[in-house]
Amino acid sequence: MEEIKTITTEELKKKLEAGEKPEMVDVREDHEVAMGMIPGAKHIKMGDIPAHLDYFDKDKEYIFICRSSGRSGNVCHYLHEQGYKVRNMVGGMLEWTGETE
């Protein structure tokens, strides 16, 4: 299996603090995102990703987020196979120390 690019929670936090606006997608369930999401992230549940492929642009890179980085990793592999640019946030929301909303 091809190696999927990753980003650490710290690297993502620095990007956001620097004013960057990366494309972030949170693939957790509704009750999980209710506890807080990274500001600017879009919520598309893992099971809904195949139905939302038209949301993704092959020219952009997307950072995928879940609780521990397992589900987001699965989503990354799936989208990578479809030709999308993806990056998995390692450690997930369990390791996120930045702001949430």
PDB file of N, CA and C in Angstrom:
ATOM      1  N   MET A   1       0.841  -1.190   0.000  1.00  0.00           N
ATOM      2  CA  MET A   1       0.000   0.000   0.000  1.00  0.00           C
ATOM      3  C   MET A   1       0.883   1.250   0.000  1.00  0.00           C
ATOM      4  N   GLU A   2       0.519   2.208  -0.795  1.00  0.00           N
ATOM      5  CA  GLU A   2       1.326   3.411  -0.892  1.00  0.00           C
ATOM      6  C   GLU A   2       1.264   4.220   0.404  1.00  0.00           C
ATOM      7  N   GLU A   3       2.389   4.823   0.733  1.00  0.00           N
ATOM      8  CA  GLU A   3       2.485   5.634   1.954  1.00  0.00           C
ATOM      9  C   GLU A   3       1.663   6.912   1.784  1.00  0.00           C
ATOM     10  N   ILE A   4       0.781   7.159   2.749  1.00  0.00           N
ATOM     11  CA  ILE A   4      -0.048   8.368   2.713  1.00  0.00           C
ATOM     12  C   ILE A   4       0.700   9.479   3.455  1.00  0.00           C
ATOM     13  N   LYS A   5       0.671  10.677   2.906  1.00  0.00           N
ATOM     14  CA  LYS A   5       1.315  11.810   3.576  1.00  0.00           C
ATOM     15  C   LYS A   5       0.572  12.117   4.871  1.00  0.00           C
ATOM     16  N   THR A   6       1.327  12.595   5.848  1.00  0.00           N
ATOM     17  CA  THR A   6       0.726  12.919   7.134  1.00  0.00           C
ATOM     18  C   THR A   6       1.091  14.345   7.540  1.00  0.00           C
ATOM     19  N   ILE A   7       0.415  14.817   8.561  1.00  0.00           N
ATOM     20  CA  ILE A   7       0.739  16.101   9.179  1.00  0.00           C
ATOM     21  C   ILE A   7       0.507  15.899  10.666  1.00  0.00           C
ATOM     22  N   THR A   8       1.374  16.452  11.492  1.00  0.00           N
ATOM     23  CA  THR A   8       1.170  16.300  12.938  1.00  0.00           C
ATOM     24  C   THR A   8       0.203  17.379  13.417  1.00  0.00           C
ATOM     25  N   THR A   9      -0.351  17.166  14.594  1.00  0.00           N
ATOM     26  CA  THR A   9      -1.272  18.162  15.160  1.00  0.00           C
ATOM     27  C   THR A   9      -0.526  19.474  15.361  1.00  0.00           C
ATOM     28  N   GLU A  10       0.751  19.372  15.734  1.00  0.00           N
ATOM     29  CA  GLU A  10       1.568  20.566  15.986  1.00  0.00           C
ATOM     30  C   GLU A  10       1.804  21.341  14.675  1.00  0.00           C
ATOM     31  N   GLU A  11       2.112  20.613  13.600  1.00  0.00           N
ATOM     32  CA  GLU A  11       2.339  21.264  12.293  1.00  0.00           C
ATOM     33  C   GLU A  11       1.073  21.976  11.818  1.00  0.00           C
ATOM     34  N   LEU A  12      -0.070  21.318  11.999  1.00  0.00           N
ATOM     35  CA  LEU A  12      -1.330  21.918  11.564  1.00  0.00           C
ATOM     36  C   LEU A  12      -1.633  23.161  12.406  1.00  0.00           C
ATOM     37  N   LYS A  13      -1.396  23.066  13.705  1.00  0.00           N
ATOM     38  CA  LYS A  13      -1.644  24.192  14.598  1.00  0.00           C
ATOM     39  C   LYS A  13      -0.803  25.398  14.168  1.00  0.00           C
ATOM     40  N   LYS A  14       0.469  25.143  13.815  1.00  0.00           N
ATOM     41  CA  LYS A  14       1.359  26.234  13.380  1.00  0.00           C
ATOM     42  C   LYS A  14       0.849  26.876  12.096  1.00  0.00           C
ATOM     43  N   LYS A  15       0.373  26.044  11.160  1.00  0.00           N
ATOM     44  CA  LYS A  15      -0.183  26.584   9.899  1.00  0.00           C
ATOM     45  C   LYS A  15      -1.348  27.523  10.195  1.00  0.00           C
ATOM     46  N   LEU A  16      -2.256  27.079  11.057  1.00  0.00           N
ATOM     47  CA  LEU A  16      -3.429  27.880  11.386  1.00  0.00           C
ATOM     48  C   LEU A  16      -3.029  29.163  12.112  1.00  0.00           C
ATOM     49  N   GLU A  17      -2.051  29.044  13.020  1.00  0.00           N
ATOM     50  CA  GLU A  17      -1.591  30.220  13.756  1.00  0.00           C
ATOM     51  C   GLU A  17      -0.911  31.217  12.825  1.00  0.00           C
ATOM     52  N   ALA A  18      -0.332  30.704  11.724  1.00  0.00           N
ATOM     53  CA  ALA A  18       0.340  31.566  10.744  1.00  0.00           C
ATOM     54  C   ALA A  18      -0.667  32.196   9.779  1.00  0.00           C
ATOM     55  N   GLY A  19      -1.954  31.857   9.982  1.00  0.00           N
ATOM     56  CA  GLY A  19      -2.985  32.454   9.133  1.00  0.00           C
ATOM     57  C   GLY A  19      -3.287  31.663   7.871  1.00  0.00           C
ATOM     58  N   GLU A  20      -2.686  30.475   7.742  1.00  0.00           N
ATOM     59  CA  GLU A  20      -2.988  29.640   6.569  1.00  0.00           C
ATOM     60  C   GLU A  20      -4.393  29.075   6.711  1.00  0.00           C
ATOM     61  N   LYS A  21      -4.990  28.747   5.558  1.00  0.00           N
ATOM     62  CA  LYS A  21      -6.347  28.191   5.560  1.00  0.00           C
ATOM     63  C   LYS A  21      -6.335  26.844   4.838  1.00  0.00           C
ATOM     64  N   PRO A  22      -5.738  25.827   5.478  1.00  0.00           N
ATOM     65  CA  PRO A  22      -5.725  24.516   4.808  1.00  0.00           C
ATOM     66  C   PRO A  22      -7.134  23.935   4.702  1.00  0.00           C
ATOM     67  N   GLU A  23      -7.328  23.076   3.717  1.00  0.00           N
ATOM     68  CA  GLU A  23      -8.621  22.397   3.555  1.00  0.00           C
ATOM     69  C   GLU A  23      -8.637  21.239   4.537  1.00  0.00           C
ATOM     70  N   MET A  24      -9.499  21.319   5.549  1.00  0.00           N
ATOM     71  CA  MET A  24      -9.561  20.269   6.567  1.00  0.00           C
ATOM     72  C   MET A  24     -10.945  19.632   6.568  1.00  0.00           C
ATOM     73  N   VAL A  25     -10.964  18.307   6.677  1.00  0.00           N
ATOM     74  CA  VAL A  25     -12.235  17.585   6.714  1.00  0.00           C
ATOM     75  C   VAL A  25     -12.224  16.663   7.926  1.00  0.00           C
ATOM     76  N   ASP A  26     -13.225  16.845   8.783  1.00  0.00           N
ATOM     77  CA  ASP A  26     -13.368  16.023   9.991  1.00  0.00           C
ATOM     78  C   ASP A  26     -14.339  14.897   9.655  1.00  0.00           C
ATOM     79  N   VAL A  27     -13.886  13.649   9.776  1.00  0.00           N
ATOM     80  CA  VAL A  27     -14.718  12.507   9.353  1.00  0.00           C
ATOM     81  C   VAL A  27     -15.370  11.777  10.534  1.00  0.00           C
ATOM     82  N   ARG A  28     -15.361  12.408  11.706  1.00  0.00           N
ATOM     83  CA  ARG A  28     -15.973  11.770  12.877  1.00  0.00           C
ATOM     84  C   ARG A  28     -17.502  11.821  12.805  1.00  0.00           C
ATOM     85  N   GLU A  29     -18.129  11.120  13.735  1.00  0.00           N
ATOM     86  CA  GLU A  29     -19.592  11.085  13.811  1.00  0.00           C
ATOM     87  C   GLU A  29     -20.114  12.381  14.422  1.00  0.00           C
ATOM     88  N   ASP A  30     -21.418  12.622  14.237  1.00  0.00           N
ATOM     89  CA  ASP A  30     -22.045  13.855  14.730  1.00  0.00           C
ATOM     90  C   ASP A  30     -21.798  14.105  16.218  1.00  0.00           C
ATOM     91  N   HIS A  31     -21.981  13.059  17.039  1.00  0.00           N
ATOM     92  CA  HIS A  31     -21.838  13.251  18.484  1.00  0.00           C
ATOM     93  C   HIS A  31     -20.393  13.575  18.872  1.00  0.00           C
ATOM     94  N   GLU A  32     -19.435  13.156  18.036  1.00  0.00           N
ATOM     95  CA  GLU A  32     -18.026  13.446  18.334  1.00  0.00           C
ATOM     96  C   GLU A  32     -17.679  14.891  17.993  1.00  0.00           C
ATOM     97  N   VAL A  33     -18.127  15.356  16.827  1.00  0.00           N
ATOM     98  CA  VAL A  33     -17.795  16.731  16.442  1.00  0.00           C
ATOM     99  C   VAL A  33     -18.532  17.738  17.324  1.00  0.00           C
ATOM    100  N   ALA A  34     -19.620  17.307  17.948  1.00  0.00           N
ATOM    101  CA  ALA A  34     -20.358  18.192  18.857  1.00  0.00           C
ATOM    102  C   ALA A  34     -19.480  18.612  20.035  1.00  0.00           C
ATOM    103  N   MET A  35     -18.463  17.811  20.336  1.00  0.00           N
ATOM    104  CA  MET A  35     -17.556  18.125  21.444  1.00  0.00           C
ATOM    105  C   MET A  35     -16.471  19.108  21.021  1.00  0.00           C
ATOM    106  N   GLY A  36     -16.439  19.460  19.757  1.00  0.00           N
ATOM    107  CA  GLY A  36     -15.462  20.443  19.297  1.00  0.00           C
ATOM    108  C   GLY A  36     -14.724  20.010  18.049  1.00  0.00           C
ATOM    109  N   MET A  37     -14.636  20.941  17.118  1.00  0.00           N
ATOM    110  CA  MET A  37     -13.911  20.704  15.864  1.00  0.00           C
ATOM    111  C   MET A  37     -12.850  21.786  15.716  1.00  0.00           C
ATOM    112  N   ILE A  38     -11.848  21.507  14.897  1.00  0.00           N
ATOM    113  CA  ILE A  38     -10.835  22.523  14.604  1.00  0.00           C
ATOM    114  C   ILE A  38     -11.516  23.614  13.775  1.00  0.00           C
ATOM    115  N   PRO A  39     -11.365  24.888  14.174  1.00  0.00           N
ATOM    116  CA  PRO A  39     -12.022  25.961  13.413  1.00  0.00           C
ATOM    117  C   PRO A  39     -11.629  25.916  11.936  1.00  0.00           C
ATOM    118  N   GLY A  40     -12.644  25.986  11.067  1.00  0.00           N
ATOM    119  CA  GLY A  40     -12.372  25.964   9.634  1.00  0.00           C
ATOM    120  C   GLY A  40     -12.517  24.593   9.001  1.00  0.00           C
ATOM    121  N   ALA A  41     -12.628  23.552   9.845  1.00  0.00           N
ATOM    122  CA  ALA A  41     -12.771  22.196   9.282  1.00  0.00           C
ATOM    123  C   ALA A  41     -14.204  21.987   8.807  1.00  0.00           C
ATOM    124  N   LYS A  42     -14.336  21.184   7.754  1.00  0.00           N
ATOM    125  CA  LYS A  42     -15.663  20.822   7.260  1.00  0.00           C
ATOM    126  C   LYS A  42     -15.979  19.435   7.796  1.00  0.00           C
ATOM    127  N   HIS A  43     -17.231  19.204   8.177  1.00  0.00           N
ATOM    128  CA  HIS A  43     -17.614  17.901   8.721  1.00  0.00           C
ATOM    129  C   HIS A  43     -18.283  17.049   7.641  1.00  0.00           C
ATOM    130  N   ILE A  44     -17.613  15.967   7.258  1.00  0.00           N
ATOM    131  CA  ILE A  44     -18.226  14.960   6.376  1.00  0.00           C
ATOM    132  C   ILE A  44     -17.908  13.611   7.017  1.00  0.00           C
ATOM    133  N   LYS A  45     -18.925  12.948   7.528  1.00  0.00           N
ATOM    134  CA  LYS A  45     -18.698  11.661   8.195  1.00  0.00           C
ATOM    135  C   LYS A  45     -18.038  10.660   7.242  1.00  0.00           C
ATOM    136  N   MET A  46     -17.220   9.775   7.829  1.00  0.00           N
ATOM    137  CA  MET A  46     -16.498   8.787   7.030  1.00  0.00           C
ATOM    138  C   MET A  46     -17.430   8.052   6.068  1.00  0.00           C
ATOM    139  N   GLY A  47     -18.581   7.608   6.571  1.00  0.00           N
ATOM    140  CA  GLY A  47     -19.508   6.844   5.731  1.00  0.00           C
ATOM    141  C   GLY A  47     -20.132   7.654   4.603  1.00  0.00           C
ATOM    142  N   ASP A  48     -20.066   8.988   4.729  1.00  0.00           N
ATOM    143  CA  ASP A  48     -20.664   9.854   3.709  1.00  0.00           C
ATOM    144  C   ASP A  48     -19.664  10.310   2.642  1.00  0.00           C
ATOM    145  N   ILE A  49     -18.390  10.010   2.854  1.00  0.00           N
ATOM    146  CA  ILE A  49     -17.362  10.485   1.907  1.00  0.00           C
ATOM    147  C   ILE A  49     -17.634  10.042   0.465  1.00  0.00           C
ATOM    148  N   PRO A  50     -17.942   8.743   0.208  1.00  0.00           N
ATOM    149  CA  PRO A  50     -18.156   8.340  -1.197  1.00  0.00           C
ATOM    150  C   PRO A  50     -19.260   9.129  -1.891  1.00  0.00           C
ATOM    151  N   ALA A  51     -20.272   9.539  -1.139  1.00  0.00           N
ATOM    152  CA  ALA A  51     -21.386  10.298  -1.721  1.00  0.00           C
ATOM    153  C   ALA A  51     -21.035  11.777  -1.906  1.00  0.00           C
ATOM    154  N   HIS A  52     -19.910  12.211  -1.321  1.00  0.00           N
ATOM    155  CA  HIS A  52     -19.534  13.630  -1.381  1.00  0.00           C
ATOM    156  C   HIS A  52     -18.270  13.885  -2.210  1.00  0.00           C
ATOM    157  N   LEU A  53     -17.950  12.980  -3.117  1.00  0.00           N
ATOM    158  CA  LEU A  53     -16.726  13.151  -3.899  1.00  0.00           C
ATOM    159  C   LEU A  53     -16.736  14.448  -4.702  1.00  0.00           C
ATOM    160  N   ASP A  54     -17.922  14.941  -5.050  1.00  0.00           N
ATOM    161  CA  ASP A  54     -17.983  16.176  -5.840  1.00  0.00           C
ATOM    162  C   ASP A  54     -17.533  17.392  -5.022  1.00  0.00           C
ATOM    163  N   TYR A  55     -17.438  17.253  -3.700  1.00  0.00           N
ATOM    164  CA  TYR A  55     -16.952  18.350  -2.863  1.00  0.00           C
ATOM    165  C   TYR A  55     -15.445  18.554  -3.057  1.00  0.00           C
ATOM    166  N   PHE A  56     -14.751  17.471  -3.348  1.00  0.00           N
ATOM    167  CA  PHE A  56     -13.294  17.512  -3.413  1.00  0.00           C
ATOM    168  C   PHE A  56     -12.780  17.939  -4.782  1.00  0.00           C
ATOM    169  N   ASP A  57     -11.717  18.738  -4.741  1.00  0.00           N
ATOM    170  CA  ASP A  57     -11.088  19.258  -5.948  1.00  0.00           C
ATOM    171  C   ASP A  57      -9.715  18.586  -6.058  1.00  0.00           C
ATOM    172  N   LYS A  58      -9.427  17.955  -7.193  1.00  0.00           N
ATOM    173  CA  LYS A  58      -8.160  17.222  -7.329  1.00  0.00           C
ATOM    174  C   LYS A  58      -6.934  18.134  -7.320  1.00  0.00           C
ATOM    175  N   ASP A  59      -7.142  19.442  -7.454  1.00  0.00           N
ATOM    176  CA  ASP A  59      -5.999  20.366  -7.425  1.00  0.00           C
ATOM    177  C   ASP A  59      -5.649  20.814  -6.015  1.00  0.00           C
ATOM    178  N   LYS A  60      -6.514  20.513  -5.051  1.00  0.00           N
ATOM    179  CA  LYS A  60      -6.267  20.942  -3.673  1.00  0.00           C
ATOM    180  C   LYS A  60      -5.846  19.759  -2.817  1.00  0.00           C
ATOM    181  N   GLU A  61      -5.144  20.073  -1.735  1.00  0.00           N
ATOM    182  CA  GLU A  61      -4.785  19.020  -0.782  1.00  0.00           C
ATOM    183  C   GLU A  61      -5.705  19.145   0.429  1.00  0.00           C
ATOM    184  N   TYR A  62      -6.177  18.012   0.910  1.00  0.00           N
ATOM    185  CA  TYR A  62      -7.094  17.981   2.050  1.00  0.00           C
ATOM    186  C   TYR A  62      -6.456  17.271   3.231  1.00  0.00           C
ATOM    187  N   ILE A  63      -6.666  17.836   4.405  1.00  0.00           N
ATOM    188  CA  ILE A  63      -6.168  17.222   5.636  1.00  0.00           C
ATOM    189  C   ILE A  63      -7.369  16.555   6.308  1.00  0.00           C
ATOM    190  N   PHE A  64      -7.237  15.271   6.595  1.00  0.00           N
ATOM    191  CA  PHE A  64      -8.340  14.519   7.201  1.00  0.00           C
ATOM    192  C   PHE A  64      -8.087  14.295   8.682  1.00  0.00           C
ATOM    193  N   ILE A  65      -9.180  14.456   9.444  1.00  0.00           N
ATOM    194  CA  ILE A  65      -9.120  14.460  10.896  1.00  0.00           C
ATOM    195  C   ILE A  65     -10.164  13.491  11.452  1.00  0.00           C
ATOM    196  N   CYS A  66      -9.764  12.710  12.466  1.00  0.00           N
ATOM    197  CA  CYS A  66     -10.753  11.941  13.228  1.00  0.00           C
ATOM    198  C   CYS A  66     -10.292  11.912  14.675  1.00  0.00           C
ATOM    199  N   ARG A  67     -10.759  10.955  15.444  1.00  0.00           N
ATOM    200  CA  ARG A  67     -10.440  10.947  16.867  1.00  0.00           C
ATOM    201  C   ARG A  67      -8.980  10.583  17.109  1.00  0.00           C
ATOM    202  N   SER A  68      -8.524   9.511  16.447  1.00  0.00           N
ATOM    203  CA  SER A  68      -7.166   9.026  16.720  1.00  0.00           C
ATOM    204  C   SER A  68      -6.316   8.860  15.464  1.00  0.00           C
ATOM    205  N   SER A  69      -6.863   9.147  14.315  1.00  0.00           N
ATOM    206  CA  SER A  69      -6.234   9.084  12.979  1.00  0.00           C
ATOM    207  C   SER A  69      -6.409   7.741  12.265  1.00  0.00           C
ATOM    208  N   GLY A  70      -7.197   6.831  12.831  1.00  0.00           N
ATOM    209  CA  GLY A  70      -7.482   5.564  12.160  1.00  0.00           C
ATOM    210  C   GLY A  70      -8.475   5.713  11.016  1.00  0.00           C
ATOM    211  N   ARG A  71      -9.634   6.291  11.319  1.00  0.00           N
ATOM    212  CA  ARG A  71     -10.654   6.469  10.278  1.00  0.00           C
ATOM    213  C   ARG A  71     -10.192   7.439   9.201  1.00  0.00           C
ATOM    214  N   SER A  72      -9.541   8.526   9.641  1.00  0.00           N
ATOM    215  CA  SER A  72      -9.071   9.493   8.643  1.00  0.00           C
ATOM    216  C   SER A  72      -8.026   8.840   7.738  1.00  0.00           C
ATOM    217  N   GLY A  73      -7.259   7.910   8.290  1.00  0.00           N
ATOM    218  CA  GLY A  73      -6.284   7.174   7.468  1.00  0.00           C
ATOM    219  C   GLY A  73      -6.978   6.346   6.409  1.00  0.00           C
ATOM    220  N   ASN A  74      -8.073   5.688   6.783  1.00  0.00           N
ATOM    221  CA  ASN A  74      -8.847   4.892   5.822  1.00  0.00           C
ATOM    222  C   ASN A  74      -9.403   5.773   4.717  1.00  0.00           C
ATOM    223  N   VAL A  75      -9.922   6.944   5.101  1.00  0.00           N
ATOM    224  CA  VAL A  75     -10.474   7.885   4.124  1.00  0.00           C
ATOM    225  C   VAL A  75      -9.365   8.352   3.183  1.00  0.00           C
ATOM    226  N   CYS A  76      -8.184   8.622   3.750  1.00  0.00           N
ATOM    227  CA  CYS A  76      -7.052   9.061   2.930  1.00  0.00           C
ATOM    228  C   CYS A  76      -6.692   8.018   1.879  1.00  0.00           C
ATOM    229  N   HIS A  77      -6.630   6.750   2.283  1.00  0.00           N
ATOM    230  CA  HIS A  77      -6.305   5.687   1.317  1.00  0.00           C
ATOM    231  C   HIS A  77      -7.361   5.615   0.220  1.00  0.00           C
ATOM    232  N   TYR A  78      -8.604   5.689   0.603  1.00  0.00           N
ATOM    233  CA  TYR A  78      -9.713   5.624  -0.359  1.00  0.00           C
ATOM    234  C   TYR A  78      -9.624   6.776  -1.373  1.00  0.00           C
ATOM    235  N   LEU A  79      -9.469   8.003  -0.869  1.00  0.00           N
ATOM    236  CA  LEU A  79      -9.440   9.164  -1.771  1.00  0.00           C
ATOM    237  C   LEU A  79      -8.166   9.216  -2.597  1.00  0.00           C
ATOM    238  N   HIS A  80      -7.054   8.770  -1.994  1.00  0.00           N
ATOM    239  CA  HIS A  80      -5.780   8.723  -2.711  1.00  0.00           C
ATOM    240  C   HIS A  80      -5.912   7.814  -3.936  1.00  0.00           C
ATOM    241  N   GLU A  81      -6.600   6.688  -3.758  1.00  0.00           N
ATOM    242  CA  GLU A  81      -6.827   5.752  -4.875  1.00  0.00           C
ATOM    243  C   GLU A  81      -7.680   6.382  -5.969  1.00  0.00           C
ATOM    244  N   GLN A  82      -8.525   7.331  -5.607  1.00  0.00           N
ATOM    245  CA  GLN A  82      -9.376   8.018  -6.590  1.00  0.00           C
ATOM    246  C   GLN A  82      -8.648   9.203  -7.234  1.00  0.00           C
ATOM    247  N   GLY A  83      -7.400   9.434  -6.811  1.00  0.00           N
ATOM    248  CA  GLY A  83      -6.600  10.491  -7.428  1.00  0.00           C
ATOM    249  C   GLY A  83      -6.612  11.830  -6.723  1.00  0.00           C
ATOM    250  N   TYR A  84      -7.039  11.843  -5.440  1.00  0.00           N
ATOM    251  CA  TYR A  84      -7.071  13.102  -4.688  1.00  0.00           C
ATOM    252  C   TYR A  84      -5.806  13.261  -3.846  1.00  0.00           C
ATOM    253  N   LYS A  85      -5.465  14.522  -3.548  1.00  0.00           N
ATOM    254  CA  LYS A  85      -4.296  14.820  -2.706  1.00  0.00           C
ATOM    255  C   LYS A  85      -4.765  14.875  -1.263  1.00  0.00           C
ATOM    256  N   VAL A  86      -4.203  14.003  -0.456  1.00  0.00           N
ATOM    257  CA  VAL A  86      -4.672  13.877   0.920  1.00  0.00           C
ATOM    258  C   VAL A  86      -3.511  13.863   1.911  1.00  0.00           C
ATOM    259  N   ARG A  87      -3.824  14.196   3.139  1.00  0.00           N
ATOM    260  CA  ARG A  87      -2.862  14.161   4.233  1.00  0.00           C
ATOM    261  C   ARG A  87      -3.638  13.773   5.490  1.00  0.00           C
ATOM    262  N   ASN A  88      -3.076  12.857   6.262  1.00  0.00           N
ATOM    263  CA  ASN A  88      -3.755  12.392   7.472  1.00  0.00           C
ATOM    264  C   ASN A  88      -3.162  13.095   8.690  1.00  0.00           C
ATOM    265  N   MET A  89      -4.026  13.663   9.539  1.00  0.00           N
ATOM    266  CA  MET A  89      -3.541  14.286  10.772  1.00  0.00           C
ATOM    267  C   MET A  89      -3.280  13.191  11.805  1.00  0.00           C
ATOM    268  N   VAL A  90      -1.999  12.944  12.057  1.00  0.00           N
ATOM    269  CA  VAL A  90      -1.579  11.878  12.961  1.00  0.00           C
ATOM    270  C   VAL A  90      -1.926  12.229  14.404  1.00  0.00           C
ATOM    271  N   GLY A  91      -2.465  11.233  15.107  1.00  0.00           N
ATOM    272  CA  GLY A  91      -2.801  11.458  16.514  1.00  0.00           C
ATOM    273  C   GLY A  91      -4.231  11.920  16.709  1.00  0.00           C
ATOM    274  N   GLY A  92      -4.812  12.474  15.651  1.00  0.00           N
ATOM    275  CA  GLY A  92      -6.213  12.873  15.699  1.00  0.00           C
ATOM    276  C   GLY A  92      -6.528  13.894  16.781  1.00  0.00           C
ATOM    277  N   MET A  93      -7.824  14.029  17.064  1.00  0.00           N
ATOM    278  CA  MET A  93      -8.285  15.014  18.033  1.00  0.00           C
ATOM    279  C   MET A  93      -7.828  14.678  19.457  1.00  0.00           C
ATOM    280  N   LEU A  94      -7.433  13.432  19.682  1.00  0.00           N
ATOM    281  CA  LEU A  94      -6.922  13.045  21.011  1.00  0.00           C
ATOM    282  C   LEU A  94      -5.662  13.843  21.330  1.00  0.00           C
ATOM    283  N   GLU A  95      -4.869  14.172  20.290  1.00  0.00           N
ATOM    284  CA  GLU A  95      -3.618  14.886  20.500  1.00  0.00           C
ATOM    285  C   GLU A  95      -3.706  16.365  20.154  1.00  0.00           C
ATOM    286  N   TRP A  96      -4.863  16.827  19.680  1.00  0.00           N
ATOM    287  CA  TRP A  96      -5.006  18.221  19.271  1.00  0.00           C
ATOM    288  C   TRP A  96      -4.993  19.133  20.503  1.00  0.00           C
ATOM    289  N   THR A  97      -4.108  20.120  20.496  1.00  0.00           N
ATOM    290  CA  THR A  97      -4.014  21.039  21.644  1.00  0.00           C
ATOM    291  C   THR A  97      -4.462  22.457  21.259  1.00  0.00           C
ATOM    292  N   GLY A  98      -4.775  22.648  19.979  1.00  0.00           N
ATOM    293  CA  GLY A  98      -5.183  23.974  19.524  1.00  0.00           C
ATOM    294  C   GLY A  98      -6.640  24.265  19.865  1.00  0.00           C
ATOM    295  N   GLU A  99      -7.121  25.343  19.284  1.00  0.00           N
ATOM    296  CA  GLU A  99      -8.514  25.755  19.524  1.00  0.00           C
ATOM    297  C   GLU A  99      -9.493  24.764  18.934  1.00  0.00           C
ATOM    298  N   THR A 100     -10.687  24.750  19.509  1.00  0.00           N
ATOM    299  CA  THR A 100     -11.796  24.020  18.899  1.00  0.00           C
ATOM    300  C   THR A 100     -13.013  24.910  18.963  1.00  0.00           C
ATOM    301  N   GLU A 101     -13.981  24.598  18.129  1.00  0.00           N
ATOM    302  CA  GLU A 101     -15.229  25.381  18.158  1.00  0.00           C
ATOM    303  C   GLU A 101     -16.428  24.461  18.086  1.00  0.00           C
TER     304      GLU A 101
END
